[in-house]
C-alpha atoms as a PDB file:
ATOM      1  CA  MET A   1       0.000   0.000   0.000  1.00  0.00           C
ATOM      2  CA  GLY A   2       1.428   3.382  -0.990  1.00  0.00           C
ATOM      3  CA  ALA A   3       1.325   6.629   0.933  1.00  0.00           C
ATOM      4  CA  GLU A   4      -1.909   7.682  -0.774  1.00  0.00           C
ATOM      5  CA  GLY A   5      -3.643   4.466   0.262  1.00  0.00           C
ATOM      6  CA  GLU A   6      -2.290   4.784   3.783  1.00  0.00           C
ATOM      7  CA  ARG A   7      -3.604   8.342   4.040  1.00  0.00           C
ATOM      8  CA  GLU A   8      -7.028   7.139   2.902  1.00  0.00           C
ATOM      9  CA  GLU A   9      -6.943   4.401   5.533  1.00  0.00           C
ATOM     10  CA  LEU A  10      -5.878   6.928   8.170  1.00  0.00           C
ATOM     11  CA  SER A  11      -8.753   9.208   7.206  1.00  0.00           C
ATOM     12  CA  ARG A  12     -11.199   6.309   7.359  1.00  0.00           C
ATOM     13  CA  LEU A  13      -9.915   5.243  10.784  1.00  0.00           C
ATOM     14  CA  VAL A  14     -10.131   8.802  12.124  1.00  0.00           C
ATOM     15  CA  GLN A  15     -13.775   8.974  11.069  1.00  0.00           C
ATOM     16  CA  GLN A  16     -14.432   5.755  13.021  1.00  0.00           C
ATOM     17  CA  LEU A  17     -12.896   7.065  16.262  1.00  0.00           C
ATOM     18  CA  PRO A  18     -15.322   7.486  19.139  1.00  0.00           C
ATOM     19  CA  ASP A  19     -15.651  11.157  20.126  1.00  0.00           C
ATOM     20  CA  GLU A  20     -14.113  10.532  23.543  1.00  0.00           C
ATOM     21  CA  ASP A  21     -10.889   9.195  21.925  1.00  0.00           C
ATOM     22  CA  VAL A  22     -10.372  12.163  19.577  1.00  0.00           C
ATOM     23  CA  PRO A  23      -8.533  14.454  22.070  1.00  0.00           C
ATOM     24  CA  ALA A  24      -5.983  11.775  23.027  1.00  0.00           C
ATOM     25  CA  VAL A  25      -5.317  10.746  19.423  1.00  0.00           C
ATOM     26  CA  LEU A  26      -5.060  14.374  18.332  1.00  0.00           C
ATOM     27  CA  SER A  27      -2.628  15.112  21.165  1.00  0.00           C
ATOM     28  CA  ASP A  28      -0.466  12.136  20.180  1.00  0.00           C
ATOM     29  CA  LEU A  29      -0.425  13.171  16.530  1.00  0.00           C
ATOM     30  CA  ARG A  30       0.517  16.753  17.403  1.00  0.00           C
ATOM     31  CA  ARG A  31       3.337  15.489  19.638  1.00  0.00           C
ATOM     32  CA  ARG A  32       4.663  13.276  16.842  1.00  0.00           C
ATOM     33  CA  LEU A  33       4.651  16.163  14.382  1.00  0.00           C
ATOM     34  CA  GLU A  34       6.358  18.524  16.841  1.00  0.00           C
ATOM     35  CA  SER A  35       9.216  16.050  17.265  1.00  0.00           C
ATOM     36  CA  VAL A  36      10.200  16.579  13.633  1.00  0.00           C
ATOM     37  CA  ARG A  37      12.830  19.280  13.941  1.00  0.00           C
ATOM     38  CA  SER A  38      14.145  21.512  11.237  1.00  0.00           C
ATOM     39  CA  TRP A  39      17.809  21.432  10.301  1.00  0.00           C
ATOM     40  CA  PRO A  40      20.032  23.146  11.187  1.00  0.00           C
ATOM     41  CA  PRO A  41      19.066  23.839  14.799  1.00  0.00           C
ATOM     42  CA  ALA A  42      18.563  27.462  15.827  1.00  0.00           C
ATOM     43  CA  PHE A  43      21.888  27.575  17.686  1.00  0.00           C
ATOM     44  CA  PHE A  44      23.902  27.000  14.489  1.00  0.00           C
ATOM     45  CA  GLY A  45      25.639  30.164  13.419  1.00  0.00           C
ATOM     46  CA  ILE A  46      25.211  32.047  16.706  1.00  0.00           C
ATOM     47  CA  GLU A  47      28.914  32.948  16.757  1.00  0.00           C
ATOM     48  CA  PRO A  48      29.934  35.526  14.163  1.00  0.00           C
ATOM     49  CA  GLY A  49      32.465  34.571  11.497  1.00  0.00           C
ATOM     50  CA  ASP A  50      33.163  31.312   9.709  1.00  0.00           C
ATOM     51  CA  GLY A  51      33.322  29.117  12.821  1.00  0.00           C
ATOM     52  CA  THR A  52      37.096  28.748  13.025  1.00  0.00           C
ATOM     53  CA  ARG A  53      37.311  30.977  16.125  1.00  0.00           C
ATOM     54  CA  VAL A  54      34.908  28.721  17.984  1.00  0.00           C
ATOM     55  CA  GLY A  55      37.126  25.715  17.307  1.00  0.00           C
ATOM     56  CA  ALA A  56      40.368  27.528  18.042  1.00  0.00           C
ATOM     57  CA  ASP A  57      39.127  29.327  21.157  1.00  0.00           C
ATOM     58  CA  HIS A  58      36.797  26.708  22.610  1.00  0.00           C
ATOM     59  CA  ASP A  59      38.426  26.752  26.055  1.00  0.00           C
ATOM     60  CA  GLU A  60      38.019  30.529  26.299  1.00  0.00           C
ATOM     61  CA  ILE A  61      34.419  30.396  25.079  1.00  0.00           C
ATOM     62  CA  LEU A  62      33.524  27.680  27.580  1.00  0.00           C
ATOM     63  CA  ALA A  63      35.247  29.580  30.392  1.00  0.00           C
ATOM     64  CA  GLU A  64      33.098  32.624  29.560  1.00  0.00           C
ATOM     65  CA  GLY A  65      29.994  30.583  30.312  1.00  0.00           C
ATOM     66  CA  PHE A  66      29.083  29.425  26.790  1.00  0.00           C
ATOM     67  CA  GLY A  67      26.337  31.909  26.071  1.00  0.00           C
ATOM     68  CA  ARG A  68      25.134  32.540  29.611  1.00  0.00           C
END
């Protein structure tokens, strides 16, 4: 079964859910979708420049509190 068929089955199953189960299933689905994270993470590129200073000066950066 391809993705299109699986989506049709999912839609059919959702329609069969008892009303009292909808909030829990919806919550689970939202949680699953939120776990998909974009790449790169937001912290990439927070240090100005090409990144070589971070590698060369990592001890100094960590001693400064690493962004605190």
